[in-house]
Amino acid sequence: MPIATQPRSTKPAQPLESANNPAALLRFSTVQALTGLSRSTIYTRIRAKTFPEPIKLGTRCTRFRAGDVTAWLEAAE
């Protein structure tokens, strides 16, 4: 008798349009998609103080303010 497996829980993707609201809190994956930077590059730039600081909402929950990320993108142009 085969063992029934449950599908992995997948979180719904955050739309990129949420970056249009400066008060929105963006997921790490959304910030990666907006900036084109890898996770390690973002962390390197945070340590170097050249990227906006994230907000820690819990031990495994990091978010970025959309207004900070869009301001960083505009300044980088």
N, C-alpha and C. Protein backbone atom coordinates (compact mmCIF):
# COMPACT_ATOMS: atom_id res chain seq x y z
N MET A 1 0.85 -1.18 0.00
CA MET A 1 0.00 0.00 0.00
C MET A 1 0.89 1.24 0.00
N PRO A 2 0.77 2.12 -0.99
CA PRO A 2 1.63 3.31 -1.05
C PRO A 2 1.26 4.32 0.05
N ILE A 3 2.28 4.99 0.49
CA ILE A 3 2.09 6.03 1.51
C ILE A 3 1.60 7.30 0.82
N ALA A 4 0.54 7.84 1.34
CA ALA A 4 -0.01 9.08 0.78
C ALA A 4 0.89 10.25 1.18
N THR A 5 1.28 11.03 0.23
CA THR A 5 2.10 12.20 0.53
C THR A 5 1.28 13.46 0.33
N GLN A 6 1.50 14.38 1.21
CA GLN A 6 0.80 15.65 1.09
C GLN A 6 1.66 16.61 0.29
N PRO A 7 1.04 17.43 -0.53
CA PRO A 7 1.83 18.40 -1.29
C PRO A 7 2.49 19.40 -0.35
N ARG A 8 3.66 19.86 -0.74
CA ARG A 8 4.35 20.86 0.06
C ARG A 8 3.53 22.13 0.13
N SER A 9 3.60 22.75 1.26
CA SER A 9 2.91 24.01 1.43
C SER A 9 3.68 25.10 0.69
N THR A 10 3.03 25.77 -0.21
CA THR A 10 3.69 26.86 -0.91
C THR A 10 2.98 28.15 -0.57
N LYS A 11 3.78 29.15 -0.26
CA LYS A 11 3.21 30.45 0.06
C LYS A 11 2.84 31.15 -1.24
N PRO A 12 1.74 31.84 -1.27
CA PRO A 12 1.38 32.56 -2.49
C PRO A 12 2.42 33.66 -2.77
N ALA A 13 2.72 33.83 -4.02
CA ALA A 13 3.70 34.85 -4.41
C ALA A 13 3.16 36.24 -4.13
N GLN A 14 4.03 37.12 -3.72
CA GLN A 14 3.65 38.51 -3.47
C GLN A 14 3.76 39.27 -4.79
N PRO A 15 2.72 39.94 -5.21
CA PRO A 15 2.80 40.66 -6.49
C PRO A 15 3.81 41.81 -6.42
N LEU A 16 4.51 42.03 -7.51
CA LEU A 16 5.49 43.10 -7.56
C LEU A 16 4.84 44.48 -7.42
N GLU A 17 3.55 44.56 -7.72
CA GLU A 17 2.84 45.83 -7.61
C GLU A 17 2.76 46.30 -6.15
N SER A 18 2.99 45.41 -5.19
CA SER A 18 2.94 45.82 -3.79
C SER A 18 4.05 46.81 -3.47
N ALA A 19 5.07 46.89 -4.31
CA ALA A 19 6.15 47.86 -4.10
C ALA A 19 5.67 49.28 -4.36
N ASN A 20 4.51 49.44 -5.01
CA ASN A 20 3.97 50.78 -5.27
C ASN A 20 3.43 51.44 -4.01
N ASN A 21 3.15 50.66 -2.98
CA ASN A 21 2.66 51.20 -1.72
C ASN A 21 3.87 51.35 -0.78
N PRO A 22 4.30 52.57 -0.47
CA PRO A 22 5.52 52.76 0.32
C PRO A 22 5.45 52.14 1.71
N ALA A 23 4.25 51.93 2.24
CA ALA A 23 4.12 51.36 3.57
C ALA A 23 4.10 49.83 3.55
N ALA A 24 4.08 49.23 2.37
CA ALA A 24 4.01 47.78 2.27
C ALA A 24 5.30 47.15 2.78
N LEU A 25 5.16 45.96 3.33
CA LEU A 25 6.31 45.19 3.79
C LEU A 25 6.56 44.08 2.77
N LEU A 26 7.72 44.12 2.15
CA LEU A 26 8.04 43.20 1.07
C LEU A 26 8.81 41.98 1.56
N ARG A 27 8.50 40.85 0.99
CA ARG A 27 9.24 39.62 1.27
C ARG A 27 10.61 39.70 0.62
N PHE A 28 11.50 38.88 1.12
CA PHE A 28 12.85 38.84 0.57
C PHE A 28 12.83 38.48 -0.92
N SER A 29 11.99 37.51 -1.29
CA SER A 29 11.92 37.09 -2.69
C SER A 29 11.42 38.22 -3.59
N THR A 30 10.54 39.05 -3.09
CA THR A 30 10.03 40.18 -3.87
C THR A 30 11.13 41.21 -4.06
N VAL A 31 11.92 41.46 -3.02
CA VAL A 31 13.03 42.40 -3.12
C VAL A 31 14.06 41.88 -4.11
N GLN A 32 14.32 40.59 -4.10
CA GLN A 32 15.24 40.01 -5.06
C GLN A 32 14.73 40.21 -6.49
N ALA A 33 13.45 40.01 -6.70
CA ALA A 33 12.87 40.18 -8.04
C ALA A 33 12.93 41.64 -8.48
N LEU A 34 12.70 42.57 -7.57
CA LEU A 34 12.71 43.99 -7.91
C LEU A 34 14.11 44.50 -8.22
N THR A 35 15.09 44.04 -7.44
CA THR A 35 16.45 44.57 -7.57
C THR A 35 17.32 43.77 -8.52
N GLY A 36 17.01 42.50 -8.71
CA GLY A 36 17.86 41.64 -9.52
C GLY A 36 19.10 41.17 -8.77
N LEU A 37 19.12 41.37 -7.45
CA LEU A 37 20.27 40.98 -6.64
C LEU A 37 19.99 39.64 -5.97
N SER A 38 21.06 38.90 -5.71
CA SER A 38 20.92 37.63 -5.01
C SER A 38 20.78 37.88 -3.52
N ARG A 39 20.36 36.86 -2.80
CA ARG A 39 20.19 36.95 -1.35
C ARG A 39 21.50 37.32 -0.66
N SER A 40 22.60 36.67 -1.07
CA SER A 40 23.89 36.95 -0.43
C SER A 40 24.38 38.36 -0.74
N THR A 41 24.12 38.85 -1.94
CA THR A 41 24.52 40.22 -2.29
C THR A 41 23.73 41.24 -1.48
N ILE A 42 22.45 40.99 -1.28
CA ILE A 42 21.64 41.90 -0.47
C ILE A 42 22.18 41.94 0.96
N TYR A 43 22.47 40.77 1.54
CA TYR A 43 23.00 40.75 2.90
C TYR A 43 24.37 41.43 2.98
N THR A 44 25.20 41.26 1.96
CA THR A 44 26.51 41.93 1.93
C THR A 44 26.32 43.44 1.90
N ARG A 45 25.39 43.92 1.10
CA ARG A 45 25.15 45.36 1.01
C ARG A 45 24.50 45.92 2.27
N ILE A 46 23.68 45.11 2.95
CA ILE A 46 23.10 45.55 4.23
C ILE A 46 24.22 45.75 5.24
N ARG A 47 25.15 44.78 5.31
CA ARG A 47 26.28 44.90 6.24
C ARG A 47 27.16 46.11 5.91
N ALA A 48 27.29 46.44 4.62
CA ALA A 48 28.10 47.58 4.19
C ALA A 48 27.33 48.89 4.29
N LYS A 49 26.08 48.83 4.76
CA LYS A 49 25.21 50.01 4.91
C LYS A 49 24.91 50.68 3.56
N THR A 50 24.90 49.89 2.48
CA THR A 50 24.58 50.43 1.16
C THR A 50 23.24 49.91 0.63
N PHE A 51 22.47 49.27 1.51
CA PHE A 51 21.14 48.78 1.16
C PHE A 51 20.25 48.98 2.38
N PRO A 52 18.96 49.23 2.19
CA PRO A 52 18.07 49.48 3.34
C PRO A 52 18.04 48.30 4.32
N GLU A 53 18.00 48.63 5.60
CA GLU A 53 17.90 47.62 6.66
C GLU A 53 16.53 46.96 6.63
N PRO A 54 16.49 45.64 6.80
CA PRO A 54 15.20 44.97 6.87
C PRO A 54 14.59 45.09 8.26
N ILE A 55 13.34 44.73 8.35
CA ILE A 55 12.62 44.71 9.62
C ILE A 55 12.46 43.25 10.01
N LYS A 56 12.86 42.91 11.23
CA LYS A 56 12.69 41.54 11.72
C LYS A 56 11.35 41.47 12.45
N LEU A 57 10.43 40.70 11.91
CA LEU A 57 9.11 40.53 12.54
C LEU A 57 9.07 39.30 13.43
N GLY A 58 10.08 38.48 13.36
CA GLY A 58 10.16 37.26 14.15
C GLY A 58 11.50 36.60 13.88
N THR A 59 11.69 35.42 14.43
CA THR A 59 12.98 34.76 14.24
C THR A 59 13.21 34.32 12.80
N ARG A 60 12.12 34.04 12.08
CA ARG A 60 12.26 33.60 10.68
C ARG A 60 11.46 34.47 9.73
N CYS A 61 11.23 35.71 10.09
CA CYS A 61 10.40 36.59 9.26
C CYS A 61 11.10 37.94 9.09
N THR A 62 11.60 38.18 7.88
CA THR A 62 12.27 39.43 7.55
C THR A 62 11.50 40.12 6.44
N ARG A 63 11.25 41.40 6.60
CA ARG A 63 10.55 42.17 5.58
C ARG A 63 11.29 43.48 5.34
N PHE A 64 11.08 44.05 4.16
CA PHE A 64 11.68 45.33 3.79
C PHE A 64 10.56 46.32 3.54
N ARG A 65 10.74 47.57 3.94
CA ARG A 65 9.76 48.62 3.62
C ARG A 65 9.87 48.92 2.13
N ALA A 66 8.74 48.89 1.46
CA ALA A 66 8.72 49.12 0.02
C ALA A 66 9.26 50.51 -0.32
N GLY A 67 8.94 51.51 0.50
CA GLY A 67 9.43 52.87 0.25
C GLY A 67 10.95 52.95 0.30
N ASP A 68 11.57 52.22 1.23
CA ASP A 68 13.03 52.21 1.33
C ASP A 68 13.67 51.56 0.11
N VAL A 69 13.08 50.46 -0.34
CA VAL A 69 13.63 49.73 -1.49
C VAL A 69 13.47 50.55 -2.78
N THR A 70 12.29 51.16 -2.97
CA THR A 70 12.10 51.95 -4.19
C THR A 70 12.99 53.20 -4.18
N ALA A 71 13.20 53.80 -3.01
CA ALA A 71 14.11 54.95 -2.92
C ALA A 71 15.53 54.52 -3.26
N TRP A 72 15.93 53.34 -2.79
CA TRP A 72 17.27 52.81 -3.11
C TRP A 72 17.39 52.57 -4.61
N LEU A 73 16.35 52.01 -5.22
CA LEU A 73 16.38 51.76 -6.67
C LEU A 73 16.50 53.06 -7.46
N GLU A 74 15.75 54.09 -7.03
CA GLU A 74 15.81 55.38 -7.73
C GLU A 74 17.17 56.04 -7.57
N ALA A 75 17.78 55.91 -6.42
CA ALA A 75 19.10 56.50 -6.17
C ALA A 75 20.19 55.76 -6.95
N ALA A 76 19.97 54.48 -7.22
CA ALA A 76 20.97 53.68 -7.93
C ALA A 76 20.99 53.96 -9.43
N GLU A 77 19.97 54.62 -9.94
CA GLU A 77 19.90 54.89 -11.38
C GLU A 77 20.85 55.96 -11.81
